[in-house]
């Protein structure tokens, strides 16, 4: 949610729970197009970069000694918010990274990565299908695909569309760096058996039936966890967990880790009130 692509204003309580770092959130494009923009919320490192000063030097810090001791931390920082004064030279932004990057046209059903769809102007995160826009006489926005890949260790990755369809050996669609010739079409069959991935170049096709199986990616495609952390931009050193296909908006994609501690303020202790956040450091000396 960079400054030029402002998408929405989530509440702080949402950031702590269902919109926390690593969660997938849908927003509107903000361009009156009705386009859905799916992002994964950035990690705490982005708070330091975009809501300075960094760490516990920030003004919006909370101290809770019992919970700090339980978690082994020195304090807690509130999620960044924009200042009420819009003329501030530096705004606090909660950063999100577009995910998934594969987008589908709702009219022609083509599947391509975000960089291969039309972008109208800087500041508009929406992407458009040029062919369908010209044919329909209206803006046709593309939206995020339904399926993603995740593993029990928390890694997120794109669904391997080109590998799933199994292009023929001489198909130009095998060059994954070029715009994808794929379509995801719904046939007259019910459920995932009727949802078919098709290559428009070599006519290879495969139904999406069975993609939610526990080990289907590894058994059918030899697919291993890619160790991707889109909200951090890093990869872990190793991961032997079994990746699985999930619905992008499913409730089992993200679970907030919750820790709590009983807060009993010592209101009668005048000394501790004055020492405030330094009390625990003195106790530990």
C-alpha atoms as a PDB file:
ATOM      1  CA  UNK A   1       0.000   0.000   0.000  1.00  0.00           C
ATOM      2  CA  UNK A   2       2.612   2.475  -1.081  1.00  0.00           C
ATOM      3  CA  UNK A   3       1.773   6.154  -1.173  1.00  0.00           C
ATOM      4  CA  UNK A   4       0.987   6.221  -4.898  1.00  0.00           C
ATOM      5  CA  UNK A   5      -1.215   3.130  -4.550  1.00  0.00           C
ATOM      6  CA  UNK A   6      -3.334   3.886  -1.501  1.00  0.00           C
ATOM      7  CA  UNK A   7      -5.901   1.099  -1.252  1.00  0.00           C
ATOM      8  CA  UNK A   8      -7.762   1.439   2.019  1.00  0.00           C
ATOM      9  CA  UNK A   9      -7.769   2.278   5.697  1.00  0.00           C
ATOM     10  CA  UNK A  10      -7.896  -0.832   7.901  1.00  0.00           C
ATOM     11  CA  UNK A  11      -8.476  -0.375  11.621  1.00  0.00           C
ATOM     12  CA  UNK A  12      -5.655  -1.042  14.057  1.00  0.00           C
ATOM     13  CA  UNK A  13      -7.606  -3.892  15.630  1.00  0.00           C
ATOM     14  CA  UNK A  14      -7.744  -5.573  12.212  1.00  0.00           C
ATOM     15  CA  UNK A  15      -3.962  -5.320  11.815  1.00  0.00           C
ATOM     16  CA  UNK A  16      -3.492  -7.122  15.125  1.00  0.00           C
ATOM     17  CA  UNK A  17      -5.810  -9.979  14.173  1.00  0.00           C
ATOM     18  CA  UNK A  18      -7.090 -10.839  10.680  1.00  0.00           C
ATOM     19  CA  UNK A  19      -5.007  -8.251   8.760  1.00  0.00           C
ATOM     20  CA  UNK A  20      -1.682  -9.024  10.437  1.00  0.00           C
ATOM     21  CA  UNK A  21       1.697  -9.394   8.662  1.00  0.00           C
ATOM     22  CA  UNK A  22       1.553 -12.287   6.217  1.00  0.00           C
ATOM     23  CA  UNK A  23      -2.238 -12.215   5.785  1.00  0.00           C
ATOM     24  CA  UNK A  24      -3.935 -11.815   2.404  1.00  0.00           C
ATOM     25  CA  UNK A  25      -6.328  -8.871   2.164  1.00  0.00           C
ATOM     26  CA  UNK A  26      -8.593  -7.722  -0.667  1.00  0.00           C
ATOM     27  CA  UNK A  27      -9.040  -4.024  -1.433  1.00  0.00           C
ATOM     28  CA  UNK A  28     -10.658  -1.979  -4.158  1.00  0.00           C
ATOM     29  CA  UNK A  29      -8.310  -0.240  -6.589  1.00  0.00           C
ATOM     30  CA  UNK A  30      -9.442   3.233  -5.554  1.00  0.00           C
ATOM     31  CA  UNK A  31      -9.853   4.140  -9.238  1.00  0.00           C
ATOM     32  CA  UNK A  32     -13.659   3.699  -9.410  1.00  0.00           C
ATOM     33  CA  UNK A  33     -13.195   0.656 -11.622  1.00  0.00           C
ATOM     34  CA  UNK A  34     -14.414  -1.990  -9.225  1.00  0.00           C
ATOM     35  CA  UNK A  35     -11.131  -3.868  -9.586  1.00  0.00           C
ATOM     36  CA  UNK A  36     -10.125  -6.111  -6.698  1.00  0.00           C
ATOM     37  CA  UNK A  37      -6.527  -5.784  -5.506  1.00  0.00           C
ATOM     38  CA  UNK A  38      -5.185  -8.646  -3.422  1.00  0.00           C
ATOM     39  CA  UNK A  39      -2.143  -7.955  -1.230  1.00  0.00           C
ATOM     40  CA  UNK A  40      -0.230  -9.714   1.499  1.00  0.00           C
ATOM     41  CA  UNK A  41       0.433  -7.405   4.450  1.00  0.00           C
ATOM     42  CA  UNK A  42       4.114  -6.522   4.894  1.00  0.00           C
ATOM     43  CA  UNK A  43       6.238  -7.547   7.861  1.00  0.00           C
ATOM     44  CA  UNK A  44       7.175  -5.471  10.889  1.00  0.00           C
ATOM     45  CA  UNK A  45      10.347  -4.339   9.110  1.00  0.00           C
ATOM     46  CA  UNK A  46       8.114  -2.245   6.859  1.00  0.00           C
ATOM     47  CA  UNK A  47       6.715  -0.475   9.918  1.00  0.00           C
ATOM     48  CA  UNK A  48      10.221   0.719  10.745  1.00  0.00           C
ATOM     49  CA  UNK A  49      10.867   1.890   7.184  1.00  0.00           C
ATOM     50  CA  UNK A  50       7.557   3.665   6.716  1.00  0.00           C
ATOM     51  CA  UNK A  51       6.595   4.832  10.212  1.00  0.00           C
ATOM     52  CA  UNK A  52       9.745   6.316  11.707  1.00  0.00           C
ATOM     53  CA  UNK A  53      11.499   6.433  14.088  1.00  0.00           C
ATOM     54  CA  UNK A  54      12.174   2.723  14.092  1.00  0.00           C
ATOM     55  CA  UNK A  55      11.553   0.215  16.843  1.00  0.00           C
ATOM     56  CA  UNK A  56      10.791   1.239  20.398  1.00  0.00           C
ATOM     57  CA  UNK A  57      11.998   4.789  19.751  1.00  0.00           C
ATOM     58  CA  UNK A  58       8.648   5.437  18.123  1.00  0.00           C
ATOM     59  CA  UNK A  59       6.210   7.553  20.119  1.00  0.00           C
ATOM     60  CA  UNK A  60       3.404   4.984  19.930  1.00  0.00           C
ATOM     61  CA  UNK A  61       4.887   2.280  22.127  1.00  0.00           C
ATOM     62  CA  UNK A  62       3.125   0.197  24.770  1.00  0.00           C
ATOM     63  CA  UNK A  63       4.785  -1.432  27.755  1.00  0.00           C
ATOM     64  CA  UNK A  64       3.352  -4.535  29.417  1.00  0.00           C
ATOM     65  CA  UNK A  65       6.034  -6.152  31.634  1.00  0.00           C
ATOM     66  CA  UNK A  66       4.343  -9.534  32.099  1.00  0.00           C
ATOM     67  CA  UNK A  67       3.697 -10.066  28.409  1.00  0.00           C
ATOM     68  CA  UNK A  68       7.159  -8.774  27.534  1.00  0.00           C
ATOM     69  CA  UNK A  69       8.740 -11.310  29.865  1.00  0.00           C
ATOM     70  CA  UNK A  70       6.624 -14.121  28.424  1.00  0.00           C
ATOM     71  CA  UNK A  71       7.583 -13.290  24.831  1.00  0.00           C
ATOM     72  CA  UNK A  72      11.166 -12.186  25.507  1.00  0.00           C
ATOM     73  CA  UNK A  73      10.731  -8.687  24.057  1.00  0.00           C
ATOM     74  CA  UNK A  74      11.416  -5.170  25.308  1.00  0.00           C
ATOM     75  CA  UNK A  75       8.096  -3.563  24.436  1.00  0.00           C
ATOM     76  CA  UNK A  76       5.293  -3.308  21.911  1.00  0.00           C
ATOM     77  CA  UNK A  77       4.687  -0.910  19.078  1.00  0.00           C
ATOM     78  CA  UNK A  78       1.292   0.060  17.694  1.00  0.00           C
ATOM     79  CA  UNK A  79       0.526  -0.447  13.983  1.00  0.00           C
ATOM     80  CA  UNK A  80       1.312   2.718  11.990  1.00  0.00           C
ATOM     81  CA  UNK A  81      -1.478   5.173  11.179  1.00  0.00           C
ATOM     82  CA  UNK A  82      -1.605   8.349   9.125  1.00  0.00           C
ATOM     83  CA  UNK A  83      -1.371  11.605  11.098  1.00  0.00           C
ATOM     84  CA  UNK A  84      -4.499  13.757  11.200  1.00  0.00           C
ATOM     85  CA  UNK A  85      -2.530  16.609   9.631  1.00  0.00           C
ATOM     86  CA  UNK A  86      -2.387  15.751   5.925  1.00  0.00           C
ATOM     87  CA  UNK A  87       0.419  18.283   5.417  1.00  0.00           C
ATOM     88  CA  UNK A  88       2.878  16.126   7.327  1.00  0.00           C
ATOM     89  CA  UNK A  89       6.092  15.692   5.326  1.00  0.00           C
ATOM     90  CA  UNK A  90       6.219  11.986   6.158  1.00  0.00           C
ATOM     91  CA  UNK A  91       3.174   9.758   6.425  1.00  0.00           C
ATOM     92  CA  UNK A  92       2.897   6.435   8.183  1.00  0.00           C
ATOM     93  CA  UNK A  93       1.986   3.712   5.727  1.00  0.00           C
ATOM     94  CA  UNK A  94       1.031   0.097   6.284  1.00  0.00           C
ATOM     95  CA  UNK A  95       2.713  -1.661   3.374  1.00  0.00           C
ATOM     96  CA  UNK A  96       1.248  -4.504   1.345  1.00  0.00           C
ATOM     97  CA  UNK A  97       2.743  -6.513  -1.527  1.00  0.00           C
ATOM     98  CA  UNK A  98       0.540  -7.636  -4.426  1.00  0.00           C
ATOM     99  CA  UNK A  99      -0.200 -11.344  -4.102  1.00  0.00           C
ATOM    100  CA  UNK A 100      -1.016 -13.369  -6.029  1.00  0.00           C
ATOM    101  CA  UNK A 101       0.599 -11.811  -9.083  1.00  0.00           C
ATOM    102  CA  UNK A 102      -1.401 -13.976 -11.486  1.00  0.00           C
ATOM    103  CA  UNK A 103      -4.563 -12.181 -12.613  1.00  0.00           C
ATOM    104  CA  UNK A 104      -7.542 -13.381 -14.655  1.00  0.00           C
ATOM    105  CA  UNK A 105      -9.857 -11.526 -17.008  1.00  0.00           C
ATOM    106  CA  UNK A 106     -13.532 -12.124 -16.066  1.00  0.00           C
ATOM    107  CA  UNK A 107     -14.618 -11.863 -19.711  1.00  0.00           C
ATOM    108  CA  UNK A 108     -12.107 -13.799 -21.823  1.00  0.00           C
ATOM    109  CA  UNK A 109     -10.810 -15.907 -18.882  1.00  0.00           C
ATOM    110  CA  UNK A 110      -7.159 -15.372 -19.830  1.00  0.00           C
ATOM    111  CA  UNK A 111      -4.521 -15.863 -17.112  1.00  0.00           C
ATOM    112  CA  UNK A 112      -1.377 -13.723 -17.042  1.00  0.00           C
ATOM    113  CA  UNK A 113       1.016 -12.214 -14.541  1.00  0.00           C
ATOM    114  CA  UNK A 114       0.394  -8.633 -13.463  1.00  0.00           C
ATOM    115  CA  UNK A 115       3.217  -7.193 -15.588  1.00  0.00           C
ATOM    116  CA  UNK A 116       1.578  -8.503 -18.769  1.00  0.00           C
ATOM    117  CA  UNK A 117      -1.733  -6.675 -18.278  1.00  0.00           C
ATOM    118  CA  UNK A 118      -2.362  -3.048 -19.225  1.00  0.00           C
ATOM    119  CA  UNK A 119      -1.619  -0.339 -16.688  1.00  0.00           C
ATOM    120  CA  UNK A 120      -3.249   3.031 -17.337  1.00  0.00           C
ATOM    121  CA  UNK A 121      -1.216   5.377 -15.167  1.00  0.00           C
ATOM    122  CA  UNK A 122       1.129   5.585 -12.205  1.00  0.00           C
ATOM    123  CA  UNK A 123      -0.903   5.478  -9.022  1.00  0.00           C
ATOM    124  CA  UNK A 124      -3.569   3.145 -10.404  1.00  0.00           C
ATOM    125  CA  UNK A 125      -2.976  -0.388  -9.105  1.00  0.00           C
ATOM    126  CA  UNK A 126      -5.765  -1.765 -11.310  1.00  0.00           C
ATOM    127  CA  UNK A 127      -4.881  -3.764 -14.417  1.00  0.00           C
ATOM    128  CA  UNK A 128      -6.981  -4.024 -17.561  1.00  0.00           C
ATOM    129  CA  UNK A 129      -7.604  -6.482 -20.385  1.00  0.00           C
ATOM    130  CA  UNK A 130      -7.057  -4.346 -23.485  1.00  0.00           C
ATOM    131  CA  UNK A 131      -8.793  -6.714 -25.922  1.00  0.00           C
ATOM    132  CA  UNK A 132     -11.944  -7.074 -23.821  1.00  0.00           C
ATOM    133  CA  UNK A 133     -12.028  -3.350 -22.982  1.00  0.00           C
ATOM    134  CA  UNK A 134     -12.032  -2.503 -26.710  1.00  0.00           C
ATOM    135  CA  UNK A 135     -14.579  -5.197 -27.517  1.00  0.00           C
ATOM    136  CA  UNK A 136     -16.956  -4.425 -24.658  1.00  0.00           C
ATOM    137  CA  UNK A 137     -16.706  -0.641 -24.910  1.00  0.00           C
ATOM    138  CA  UNK A 138     -16.026  -0.359 -21.181  1.00  0.00           C
ATOM    139  CA  UNK A 139     -13.139  -0.885 -18.795  1.00  0.00           C
ATOM    140  CA  UNK A 140     -12.635  -4.577 -18.116  1.00  0.00           C
ATOM    141  CA  UNK A 141     -10.456  -5.029 -15.032  1.00  0.00           C
ATOM    142  CA  UNK A 142      -8.649  -8.250 -14.269  1.00  0.00           C
ATOM    143  CA  UNK A 143      -8.694  -9.746 -10.794  1.00  0.00           C
ATOM    144  CA  UNK A 144      -6.563 -12.059  -8.634  1.00  0.00           C
ATOM    145  CA  UNK A 145      -6.732 -15.780  -9.254  1.00  0.00           C
ATOM    146  CA  UNK A 146      -8.552 -18.051  -6.810  1.00  0.00           C
ATOM    147  CA  UNK A 147      -5.786 -20.517  -5.996  1.00  0.00           C
ATOM    148  CA  UNK A 148      -2.479 -20.151  -4.165  1.00  0.00           C
ATOM    149  CA  UNK A 149       0.089 -22.513  -2.638  1.00  0.00           C
ATOM    150  CA  UNK A 150       1.056 -22.587   1.044  1.00  0.00           C
ATOM    151  CA  UNK A 151       2.908 -24.899   3.404  1.00  0.00           C
ATOM    152  CA  UNK A 152       2.529 -25.571   7.160  1.00  0.00           C
ATOM    153  CA  UNK A 153       5.658 -23.467   7.843  1.00  0.00           C
ATOM    154  CA  UNK A 154       3.913 -20.358   6.564  1.00  0.00           C
ATOM    155  CA  UNK A 155       5.411 -20.046   3.085  1.00  0.00           C
ATOM    156  CA  UNK A 156       3.247 -18.616   0.291  1.00  0.00           C
ATOM    157  CA  UNK A 157       3.702 -19.057  -3.431  1.00  0.00           C
ATOM    158  CA  UNK A 158       1.871 -18.781  -6.737  1.00  0.00           C
ATOM    159  CA  UNK A 159      -0.030 -21.756  -8.085  1.00  0.00           C
ATOM    160  CA  UNK A 160       2.161 -23.440 -10.767  1.00  0.00           C
ATOM    161  CA  UNK A 161      -0.221 -22.814 -13.662  1.00  0.00           C
ATOM    162  CA  UNK A 162       2.168 -23.620 -16.508  1.00  0.00           C
ATOM    163  CA  UNK A 163       3.344 -26.818 -14.856  1.00  0.00           C
ATOM    164  CA  UNK A 164      -0.219 -27.963 -14.121  1.00  0.00           C
ATOM    165  CA  UNK A 165      -1.429 -27.657 -17.731  1.00  0.00           C
ATOM    166  CA  UNK A 166       1.558 -29.650 -19.054  1.00  0.00           C
ATOM    167  CA  UNK A 167       2.323 -27.816 -22.312  1.00  0.00           C
ATOM    168  CA  UNK A 168       3.285 -29.925 -25.291  1.00  0.00           C
ATOM    169  CA  UNK A 169       7.092 -30.104 -25.855  1.00  0.00           C
ATOM    170  CA  UNK A 170       7.143 -27.622 -28.757  1.00  0.00           C
ATOM    171  CA  UNK A 171       4.684 -25.126 -27.229  1.00  0.00           C
ATOM    172  CA  UNK A 172       5.798 -21.477 -26.988  1.00  0.00           C
ATOM    173  CA  UNK A 173       3.884 -21.327 -23.712  1.00  0.00           C
ATOM    174  CA  UNK A 174       6.728 -23.211 -22.083  1.00  0.00           C
ATOM    175  CA  UNK A 175       8.721 -19.964 -22.085  1.00  0.00           C
ATOM    176  CA  UNK A 176       7.482 -18.762 -18.693  1.00  0.00           C
ATOM    177  CA  UNK A 177       9.068 -15.314 -19.120  1.00  0.00           C
ATOM    178  CA  UNK A 178       6.618 -14.393 -21.894  1.00  0.00           C
ATOM    179  CA  UNK A 179       2.914 -13.558 -21.524  1.00  0.00           C
ATOM    180  CA  UNK A 180       0.951 -16.668 -20.671  1.00  0.00           C
ATOM    181  CA  UNK A 181      -1.332 -18.226 -23.334  1.00  0.00           C
ATOM    182  CA  UNK A 182      -3.498 -19.808 -20.608  1.00  0.00           C
ATOM    183  CA  UNK A 183      -7.233 -19.675 -20.014  1.00  0.00           C
ATOM    184  CA  UNK A 184      -9.212 -20.973 -17.050  1.00  0.00           C
ATOM    185  CA  UNK A 185     -12.678 -21.832 -18.310  1.00  0.00           C
ATOM    186  CA  UNK A 186     -15.796 -23.257 -16.683  1.00  0.00           C
ATOM    187  CA  UNK A 187     -17.414 -26.138 -18.567  1.00  0.00           C
ATOM    188  CA  UNK A 188     -20.830 -27.680 -17.978  1.00  0.00           C
ATOM    189  CA  UNK A 189     -19.481 -30.115 -15.394  1.00  0.00           C
ATOM    190  CA  UNK A 190     -19.995 -29.340 -11.711  1.00  0.00           C
ATOM    191  CA  UNK A 191     -17.272 -28.288  -9.287  1.00  0.00           C
ATOM    192  CA  UNK A 192     -13.562 -28.387 -10.004  1.00  0.00           C
ATOM    193  CA  UNK A 193     -14.062 -31.127 -12.582  1.00  0.00           C
ATOM    194  CA  UNK A 194     -15.685 -28.506 -14.783  1.00  0.00           C
ATOM    195  CA  UNK A 195     -12.969 -25.890 -14.230  1.00  0.00           C
ATOM    196  CA  UNK A 196     -10.392 -26.498 -16.936  1.00  0.00           C
ATOM    197  CA  UNK A 197      -6.995 -24.895 -17.532  1.00  0.00           C
ATOM    198  CA  UNK A 198      -6.281 -24.597 -21.261  1.00  0.00           C
ATOM    199  CA  UNK A 199      -3.244 -23.528 -23.281  1.00  0.00           C
ATOM    200  CA  UNK A 200      -4.435 -21.552 -26.317  1.00  0.00           C
ATOM    201  CA  UNK A 201      -1.221 -22.309 -28.215  1.00  0.00           C
ATOM    202  CA  UNK A 202      -0.859 -26.079 -28.009  1.00  0.00           C
ATOM    203  CA  UNK A 203      -4.410 -26.974 -26.872  1.00  0.00           C
ATOM    204  CA  UNK A 204      -3.129 -28.803 -23.806  1.00  0.00           C
ATOM    205  CA  UNK A 205      -5.752 -28.866 -21.060  1.00  0.00           C
ATOM    206  CA  UNK A 206      -6.260 -30.210 -17.583  1.00  0.00           C
ATOM    207  CA  UNK A 207      -9.142 -29.992 -15.124  1.00  0.00           C
ATOM    208  CA  UNK A 208      -8.522 -28.473 -11.711  1.00  0.00           C
ATOM    209  CA  UNK A 209     -10.131 -31.454 -10.035  1.00  0.00           C
ATOM    210  CA  UNK A 210      -7.996 -32.863  -7.230  1.00  0.00           C
ATOM    211  CA  UNK A 211      -5.825 -29.783  -6.654  1.00  0.00           C
ATOM    212  CA  UNK A 212      -6.739 -29.625  -2.961  1.00  0.00           C
ATOM    213  CA  UNK A 213      -5.290 -33.075  -2.281  1.00  0.00           C
ATOM    214  CA  UNK A 214      -2.735 -33.207   0.526  1.00  0.00           C
ATOM    215  CA  UNK A 215       0.239 -34.235  -1.636  1.00  0.00           C
ATOM    216  CA  UNK A 216      -1.065 -33.686  -5.159  1.00  0.00           C
ATOM    217  CA  UNK A 217       1.548 -31.070  -6.157  1.00  0.00           C
ATOM    218  CA  UNK A 218       4.480 -33.209  -5.094  1.00  0.00           C
ATOM    219  CA  UNK A 219       3.151 -36.433  -6.589  1.00  0.00           C
ATOM    220  CA  UNK A 220       1.932 -35.055  -9.909  1.00  0.00           C
ATOM    221  CA  UNK A 221       4.403 -32.233 -10.546  1.00  0.00           C
ATOM    222  CA  UNK A 222       7.375 -32.968  -8.301  1.00  0.00           C
ATOM    223  CA  UNK A 223       6.672 -29.599  -6.718  1.00  0.00           C
ATOM    224  CA  UNK A 224       8.581 -28.749  -3.542  1.00  0.00           C
ATOM    225  CA  UNK A 225       8.130 -25.768  -1.228  1.00  0.00           C
ATOM    226  CA  UNK A 226       9.803 -22.691  -2.734  1.00  0.00           C
ATOM    227  CA  UNK A 227      10.289 -21.069   0.708  1.00  0.00           C
ATOM    228  CA  UNK A 228       8.716 -17.788  -0.429  1.00  0.00           C
ATOM    229  CA  UNK A 229       7.791 -15.056   2.044  1.00  0.00           C
ATOM    230  CA  UNK A 230       6.121 -12.344  -0.107  1.00  0.00           C
ATOM    231  CA  UNK A 231       5.557 -10.074   2.901  1.00  0.00           C
ATOM    232  CA  UNK A 232       9.281 -10.148   3.743  1.00  0.00           C
ATOM    233  CA  UNK A 233      10.863 -10.536   0.319  1.00  0.00           C
ATOM    234  CA  UNK A 234      13.116 -13.338   1.593  1.00  0.00           C
ATOM    235  CA  UNK A 235      13.478 -17.099   1.422  1.00  0.00           C
ATOM    236  CA  UNK A 236      14.233 -19.431   4.304  1.00  0.00           C
ATOM    237  CA  UNK A 237      17.303 -21.666   4.095  1.00  0.00           C
ATOM    238  CA  UNK A 238      15.321 -24.898   3.991  1.00  0.00           C
ATOM    239  CA  UNK A 239      11.796 -26.255   4.192  1.00  0.00           C
ATOM    240  CA  UNK A 240      10.734 -29.871   3.841  1.00  0.00           C
ATOM    241  CA  UNK A 241       7.038 -29.255   4.526  1.00  0.00           C
ATOM    242  CA  UNK A 242       4.469 -30.418   1.991  1.00  0.00           C
ATOM    243  CA  UNK A 243       2.964 -27.513   0.010  1.00  0.00           C
ATOM    244  CA  UNK A 244      -0.783 -27.524  -0.596  1.00  0.00           C
ATOM    245  CA  UNK A 245      -3.224 -25.633  -2.783  1.00  0.00           C
ATOM    246  CA  UNK A 246      -5.633 -23.333  -0.946  1.00  0.00           C
ATOM    247  CA  UNK A 247      -8.374 -20.922  -1.884  1.00  0.00           C
ATOM    248  CA  UNK A 248      -6.942 -17.409  -1.696  1.00  0.00           C
ATOM    249  CA  UNK A 249      -9.762 -16.151   0.518  1.00  0.00           C
ATOM    250  CA  UNK A 250     -10.187 -19.271   2.644  1.00  0.00           C
ATOM    251  CA  UNK A 251     -10.246 -18.934   6.427  1.00  0.00           C
ATOM    252  CA  UNK A 252      -7.464 -21.522   6.841  1.00  0.00           C
ATOM    253  CA  UNK A 253      -4.879 -19.440   4.931  1.00  0.00           C
ATOM    254  CA  UNK A 254      -4.005 -17.232   7.900  1.00  0.00           C
ATOM    255  CA  UNK A 255      -4.213 -17.628  11.668  1.00  0.00           C
ATOM    256  CA  UNK A 256      -3.025 -14.879  13.995  1.00  0.00           C
ATOM    257  CA  UNK A 257      -0.703 -16.035  16.805  1.00  0.00           C
ATOM    258  CA  UNK A 258      -2.229 -14.764  20.049  1.00  0.00           C
ATOM    259  CA  UNK A 259      -0.473 -14.306  23.391  1.00  0.00           C
ATOM    260  CA  UNK A 260      -1.995 -12.742  26.501  1.00  0.00           C
ATOM    261  CA  UNK A 261      -1.056 -11.819  30.045  1.00  0.00           C
ATOM    262  CA  UNK A 262      -3.026 -10.590  33.045  1.00  0.00           C
ATOM    263  CA  UNK A 263      -2.565  -6.877  33.629  1.00  0.00           C
ATOM    264  CA  UNK A 264      -2.856  -5.773  37.281  1.00  0.00           C
ATOM    265  CA  UNK A 265      -1.738  -2.130  37.439  1.00  0.00           C
ATOM    266  CA  UNK A 266      -0.136  -1.275  40.818  1.00  0.00           C
ATOM    267  CA  UNK A 267      -2.084   1.967  41.189  1.00  0.00           C
ATOM    268  CA  UNK A 268      -1.274   2.177  44.909  1.00  0.00           C
ATOM    269  CA  UNK A 269       2.471   1.995  44.248  1.00  0.00           C
ATOM    270  CA  UNK A 270       3.434   5.632  43.726  1.00  0.00           C
ATOM    271  CA  UNK A 271       7.091   4.762  43.049  1.00  0.00           C
ATOM    272  CA  UNK A 272       6.251   2.391  40.184  1.00  0.00           C
ATOM    273  CA  UNK A 273       3.882   4.918  38.646  1.00  0.00           C
ATOM    274  CA  UNK A 274       6.708   7.443  38.457  1.00  0.00           C
ATOM    275  CA  UNK A 275       9.279   5.000  37.119  1.00  0.00           C
ATOM    276  CA  UNK A 276       6.807   3.620  34.556  1.00  0.00           C
ATOM    277  CA  UNK A 277       8.383   1.565  31.766  1.00  0.00           C
ATOM    278  CA  UNK A 278      11.791   1.500  33.528  1.00  0.00           C
ATOM    279  CA  UNK A 279      10.482  -0.446  36.529  1.00  0.00           C
ATOM    280  CA  UNK A 280      11.166  -3.937  35.128  1.00  0.00           C
ATOM    281  CA  UNK A 281      14.747  -3.015  34.158  1.00  0.00           C
ATOM    282  CA  UNK A 282      15.418  -1.920  37.749  1.00  0.00           C
ATOM    283  CA  UNK A 283      13.874  -5.105  39.127  1.00  0.00           C
ATOM    284  CA  UNK A 284      16.132  -7.221  36.908  1.00  0.00           C
ATOM    285  CA  UNK A 285      19.329  -5.427  37.949  1.00  0.00           C
END
